[in-house]
Amino acid sequence: MIDHLDHIVLTTTDVDACKDFYVRILGMTPERFRQGRLAFRFGNQKINVHERGKEFEPKAHLPVPGALDLCFIASIALEQVIAHLQEQEWSIVEGPVGVCP
């Protein structure tokens, strides 16, 4: 059902310290996208950074520093994913959400 990870969203209270760790210590590549938003690229993966209190939509239900928001790409139609979750008695808190421009 899940084909691959699209991206991870990390919420932080200190963007500079976060950037120092992921870029200088772990060797990831910083990149800016959509209105200057910050992300760290490593291989085919990306971590998008949200600053606590200044999160972008869509965002996690309760974004707190250190929390991760995982965004997946499904190998089946969205309607099938929703039906599967309903069959398993899992609630959808918000969504589905579209791809941000």
N, C-alpha and C. Protein backbone atom coordinates (compact mmCIF):
# COMPACT_ATOMS: atom_id res chain seq x y z
N MET A 1 0.82 -1.19 0.00
CA MET A 1 0.00 0.00 0.00
C MET A 1 0.87 1.26 0.00
N ILE A 2 1.88 1.33 0.85
CA ILE A 2 2.79 2.48 0.87
C ILE A 2 3.95 2.20 -0.07
N ASP A 3 4.17 3.09 -1.01
CA ASP A 3 5.23 2.92 -2.00
C ASP A 3 6.56 3.47 -1.50
N HIS A 4 6.53 4.70 -0.99
CA HIS A 4 7.77 5.29 -0.49
C HIS A 4 7.49 6.50 0.38
N LEU A 5 8.51 6.93 1.06
CA LEU A 5 8.44 8.13 1.89
C LEU A 5 8.59 9.35 0.98
N ASP A 6 7.69 10.30 1.11
CA ASP A 6 7.80 11.53 0.32
C ASP A 6 8.74 12.50 1.01
N HIS A 7 8.46 12.81 2.27
CA HIS A 7 9.33 13.68 3.06
C HIS A 7 8.96 13.58 4.53
N ILE A 8 9.82 14.10 5.36
CA ILE A 8 9.62 14.18 6.80
C ILE A 8 9.53 15.65 7.16
N VAL A 9 8.67 16.01 8.10
CA VAL A 9 8.62 17.37 8.61
C VAL A 9 9.09 17.33 10.06
N LEU A 10 10.07 18.16 10.38
CA LEU A 10 10.62 18.26 11.73
C LEU A 10 10.28 19.63 12.30
N THR A 11 9.70 19.65 13.48
CA THR A 11 9.39 20.92 14.16
C THR A 11 10.50 21.23 15.15
N THR A 12 10.98 22.47 15.14
CA THR A 12 12.06 22.89 16.03
C THR A 12 11.77 24.26 16.62
N THR A 13 12.40 24.55 17.75
CA THR A 13 12.32 25.90 18.32
C THR A 13 13.53 26.73 17.93
N ASP A 14 14.58 26.08 17.41
CA ASP A 14 15.83 26.77 17.08
C ASP A 14 16.30 26.34 15.69
N VAL A 15 15.90 27.09 14.68
CA VAL A 15 16.23 26.74 13.30
C VAL A 15 17.74 26.72 13.07
N ASP A 16 18.47 27.67 13.64
CA ASP A 16 19.92 27.73 13.44
C ASP A 16 20.62 26.51 14.02
N ALA A 17 20.25 26.10 15.22
CA ALA A 17 20.85 24.92 15.84
C ALA A 17 20.48 23.66 15.06
N CYS A 18 19.25 23.61 14.59
CA CYS A 18 18.78 22.48 13.79
C CYS A 18 19.59 22.39 12.50
N LYS A 19 19.77 23.52 11.82
CA LYS A 19 20.54 23.56 10.58
C LYS A 19 21.98 23.15 10.83
N ASP A 20 22.57 23.64 11.91
CA ASP A 20 23.95 23.28 12.25
C ASP A 20 24.10 21.77 12.39
N PHE A 21 23.17 21.15 13.10
CA PHE A 21 23.24 19.70 13.32
C PHE A 21 23.10 18.93 12.02
N TYR A 22 22.05 19.19 11.26
CA TYR A 22 21.78 18.39 10.06
C TYR A 22 22.75 18.68 8.92
N VAL A 23 23.25 19.92 8.81
CA VAL A 23 24.15 20.27 7.72
C VAL A 23 25.61 20.04 8.11
N ARG A 24 26.06 20.68 9.18
CA ARG A 24 27.48 20.58 9.55
C ARG A 24 27.83 19.22 10.15
N ILE A 25 27.00 18.72 11.04
CA ILE A 25 27.32 17.47 11.72
C ILE A 25 26.99 16.24 10.86
N LEU A 26 25.79 16.20 10.26
CA LEU A 26 25.38 15.02 9.50
C LEU A 26 25.67 15.13 8.00
N GLY A 27 26.05 16.31 7.51
CA GLY A 27 26.45 16.46 6.12
C GLY A 27 25.32 16.54 5.11
N MET A 28 24.12 16.88 5.56
CA MET A 28 23.00 17.03 4.63
C MET A 28 23.12 18.36 3.88
N THR A 29 22.42 18.46 2.76
CA THR A 29 22.47 19.66 1.93
C THR A 29 21.24 20.53 2.21
N PRO A 30 21.46 21.79 2.62
CA PRO A 30 20.31 22.66 2.85
C PRO A 30 19.74 23.12 1.51
N GLU A 31 18.43 23.28 1.46
CA GLU A 31 17.80 23.84 0.26
C GLU A 31 16.61 24.68 0.68
N ARG A 32 16.34 25.68 -0.13
CA ARG A 32 15.19 26.56 0.09
C ARG A 32 14.16 26.26 -1.00
N PHE A 33 12.89 26.26 -0.62
CA PHE A 33 11.82 26.02 -1.57
C PHE A 33 10.60 26.81 -1.12
N ARG A 34 9.64 26.98 -1.99
CA ARG A 34 8.38 27.68 -1.71
C ARG A 34 8.50 28.78 -0.67
N GLN A 35 8.65 29.99 -1.09
CA GLN A 35 8.71 31.16 -0.22
C GLN A 35 9.82 31.06 0.84
N GLY A 36 10.94 30.45 0.48
CA GLY A 36 12.09 30.42 1.37
C GLY A 36 12.06 29.38 2.47
N ARG A 37 11.16 28.41 2.39
CA ARG A 37 11.11 27.36 3.40
C ARG A 37 12.41 26.56 3.38
N LEU A 38 12.83 26.06 4.54
CA LEU A 38 14.09 25.33 4.68
C LEU A 38 13.85 23.83 4.69
N ALA A 39 14.74 23.12 4.00
CA ALA A 39 14.74 21.66 4.01
C ALA A 39 16.17 21.17 3.99
N PHE A 40 16.38 19.94 4.41
CA PHE A 40 17.68 19.28 4.35
C PHE A 40 17.53 18.06 3.45
N ARG A 41 18.37 17.97 2.42
CA ARG A 41 18.31 16.87 1.48
C ARG A 41 19.43 15.89 1.78
N PHE A 42 19.10 14.60 1.72
CA PHE A 42 20.09 13.54 1.85
C PHE A 42 19.65 12.39 0.96
N GLY A 43 20.48 12.05 -0.04
CA GLY A 43 20.07 11.04 -1.02
C GLY A 43 18.80 11.48 -1.72
N ASN A 44 17.82 10.58 -1.78
CA ASN A 44 16.53 10.90 -2.39
C ASN A 44 15.51 11.38 -1.37
N GLN A 45 15.93 11.64 -0.15
CA GLN A 45 15.01 12.01 0.92
C GLN A 45 15.18 13.47 1.30
N LYS A 46 14.16 13.98 2.02
CA LYS A 46 14.18 15.38 2.41
C LYS A 46 13.49 15.55 3.76
N ILE A 47 14.08 16.39 4.60
CA ILE A 47 13.46 16.79 5.87
C ILE A 47 13.07 18.26 5.72
N ASN A 48 11.78 18.54 5.80
CA ASN A 48 11.30 19.92 5.80
C ASN A 48 11.28 20.42 7.23
N VAL A 49 11.69 21.66 7.44
CA VAL A 49 11.79 22.22 8.79
C VAL A 49 10.64 23.20 9.04
N HIS A 50 9.97 23.01 10.16
CA HIS A 50 8.96 23.96 10.63
C HIS A 50 9.45 24.54 11.95
N GLU A 51 9.37 25.84 12.08
CA GLU A 51 9.71 26.49 13.35
C GLU A 51 8.46 26.55 14.21
N ARG A 52 8.60 26.14 15.47
CA ARG A 52 7.45 26.10 16.39
C ARG A 52 6.76 27.46 16.42
N GLY A 53 5.45 27.45 16.21
CA GLY A 53 4.67 28.68 16.20
C GLY A 53 4.59 29.35 14.85
N LYS A 54 5.41 28.88 13.89
CA LYS A 54 5.41 29.45 12.53
C LYS A 54 5.27 28.33 11.49
N GLU A 55 4.56 27.28 11.85
CA GLU A 55 4.41 26.13 10.97
C GLU A 55 3.67 26.50 9.69
N PHE A 56 3.94 25.74 8.65
CA PHE A 56 3.26 25.89 7.36
C PHE A 56 2.13 24.88 7.30
N GLU A 57 1.09 25.20 6.54
CA GLU A 57 0.00 24.25 6.30
C GLU A 57 0.31 23.44 5.06
N PRO A 58 -0.07 22.18 5.02
CA PRO A 58 -0.60 21.42 6.14
C PRO A 58 0.49 21.09 7.14
N LYS A 59 0.10 20.87 8.38
CA LYS A 59 1.06 20.55 9.44
C LYS A 59 0.49 19.44 10.31
N ALA A 60 1.33 18.92 11.19
CA ALA A 60 0.89 17.89 12.12
C ALA A 60 -0.23 18.41 13.00
N HIS A 61 -1.04 17.50 13.51
CA HIS A 61 -2.18 17.87 14.36
C HIS A 61 -1.72 18.66 15.58
N LEU A 62 -0.69 18.20 16.25
CA LEU A 62 -0.14 18.89 17.43
C LEU A 62 1.37 18.99 17.28
N PRO A 63 1.87 19.93 16.49
CA PRO A 63 3.31 20.02 16.27
C PRO A 63 4.05 20.51 17.51
N VAL A 64 4.96 19.71 17.99
CA VAL A 64 5.80 20.08 19.14
C VAL A 64 7.25 19.87 18.75
N PRO A 65 8.18 20.61 19.35
CA PRO A 65 9.59 20.45 19.01
C PRO A 65 10.04 19.00 19.16
N GLY A 66 10.75 18.53 18.16
CA GLY A 66 11.25 17.16 18.15
C GLY A 66 10.30 16.16 17.52
N ALA A 67 9.05 16.55 17.31
CA ALA A 67 8.08 15.65 16.70
C ALA A 67 8.31 15.56 15.20
N LEU A 68 7.96 14.43 14.63
CA LEU A 68 8.10 14.23 13.19
C LEU A 68 6.74 14.04 12.55
N ASP A 69 6.59 14.56 11.38
CA ASP A 69 5.40 14.41 10.56
C ASP A 69 5.87 13.64 9.33
N LEU A 70 5.40 12.41 9.15
CA LEU A 70 5.84 11.57 8.04
C LEU A 70 4.84 11.65 6.91
N CYS A 71 5.32 11.88 5.70
CA CYS A 71 4.46 12.03 4.53
C CYS A 71 4.80 10.93 3.52
N PHE A 72 3.82 10.08 3.23
CA PHE A 72 4.04 8.92 2.37
C PHE A 72 3.37 9.09 1.01
N ILE A 73 3.89 8.35 0.03
CA ILE A 73 3.27 8.21 -1.28
C ILE A 73 2.74 6.78 -1.35
N ALA A 74 1.45 6.64 -1.64
CA ALA A 74 0.82 5.32 -1.71
C ALA A 74 0.94 4.74 -3.11
N SER A 75 0.94 3.42 -3.18
CA SER A 75 0.99 2.73 -4.46
C SER A 75 -0.40 2.41 -4.98
N ILE A 76 -1.44 2.77 -4.21
CA ILE A 76 -2.82 2.52 -4.60
C ILE A 76 -3.58 3.84 -4.56
N ALA A 77 -4.78 3.85 -5.10
CA ALA A 77 -5.60 5.06 -5.14
C ALA A 77 -5.95 5.54 -3.73
N LEU A 78 -6.06 6.85 -3.57
CA LEU A 78 -6.39 7.44 -2.28
C LEU A 78 -7.67 6.85 -1.70
N GLU A 79 -8.66 6.62 -2.53
CA GLU A 79 -9.92 6.05 -2.06
C GLU A 79 -9.71 4.68 -1.43
N GLN A 80 -8.78 3.90 -1.99
CA GLN A 80 -8.47 2.58 -1.44
C GLN A 80 -7.76 2.70 -0.09
N VAL A 81 -6.89 3.68 0.03
CA VAL A 81 -6.20 3.91 1.31
C VAL A 81 -7.22 4.27 2.38
N ILE A 82 -8.14 5.19 2.05
CA ILE A 82 -9.17 5.62 3.00
C ILE A 82 -10.04 4.43 3.40
N ALA A 83 -10.46 3.63 2.43
CA ALA A 83 -11.29 2.46 2.71
C ALA A 83 -10.56 1.48 3.63
N HIS A 84 -9.28 1.26 3.36
CA HIS A 84 -8.48 0.35 4.19
C HIS A 84 -8.41 0.85 5.63
N LEU A 85 -8.14 2.14 5.81
CA LEU A 85 -8.07 2.70 7.16
C LEU A 85 -9.41 2.57 7.88
N GLN A 86 -10.49 2.80 7.17
CA GLN A 86 -11.82 2.67 7.77
C GLN A 86 -12.10 1.22 8.16
N GLU A 87 -11.70 0.27 7.31
CA GLU A 87 -11.87 -1.15 7.62
C GLU A 87 -11.10 -1.54 8.87
N GLN A 88 -9.96 -0.90 9.09
CA GLN A 88 -9.13 -1.20 10.26
C GLN A 88 -9.53 -0.37 11.48
N GLU A 89 -10.59 0.42 11.33
CA GLU A 89 -11.12 1.28 12.39
C GLU A 89 -10.13 2.34 12.86
N TRP A 90 -9.37 2.90 11.90
CA TRP A 90 -8.45 4.00 12.17
C TRP A 90 -9.09 5.28 11.68
N SER A 91 -9.05 6.30 12.51
CA SER A 91 -9.65 7.58 12.16
C SER A 91 -8.68 8.46 11.39
N ILE A 92 -9.21 9.22 10.46
CA ILE A 92 -8.43 10.24 9.75
C ILE A 92 -8.69 11.55 10.48
N VAL A 93 -7.65 12.13 11.06
CA VAL A 93 -7.79 13.36 11.85
C VAL A 93 -8.06 14.54 10.93
N GLU A 94 -7.32 14.63 9.83
CA GLU A 94 -7.49 15.73 8.88
C GLU A 94 -7.10 15.23 7.51
N GLY A 95 -7.83 15.65 6.52
CA GLY A 95 -7.43 15.30 5.17
C GLY A 95 -8.50 14.53 4.45
N PRO A 96 -8.16 14.11 3.27
CA PRO A 96 -6.83 14.22 2.68
C PRO A 96 -6.48 15.67 2.33
N VAL A 97 -5.19 15.93 2.27
CA VAL A 97 -4.71 17.25 1.90
C VAL A 97 -4.05 17.15 0.54
N GLY A 98 -4.15 18.22 -0.24
CA GLY A 98 -3.54 18.24 -1.55
C GLY A 98 -2.07 18.58 -1.46
N VAL A 99 -1.39 18.42 -2.57
CA VAL A 99 0.02 18.79 -2.64
C VAL A 99 0.10 20.30 -2.63
N CYS A 100 1.00 20.82 -1.83
CA CYS A 100 1.16 22.28 -1.75
C CYS A 100 1.76 22.81 -3.04
N PRO A 101 1.35 24.01 -3.48
CA PRO A 101 1.90 24.58 -4.72
C PRO A 101 3.37 24.95 -4.57
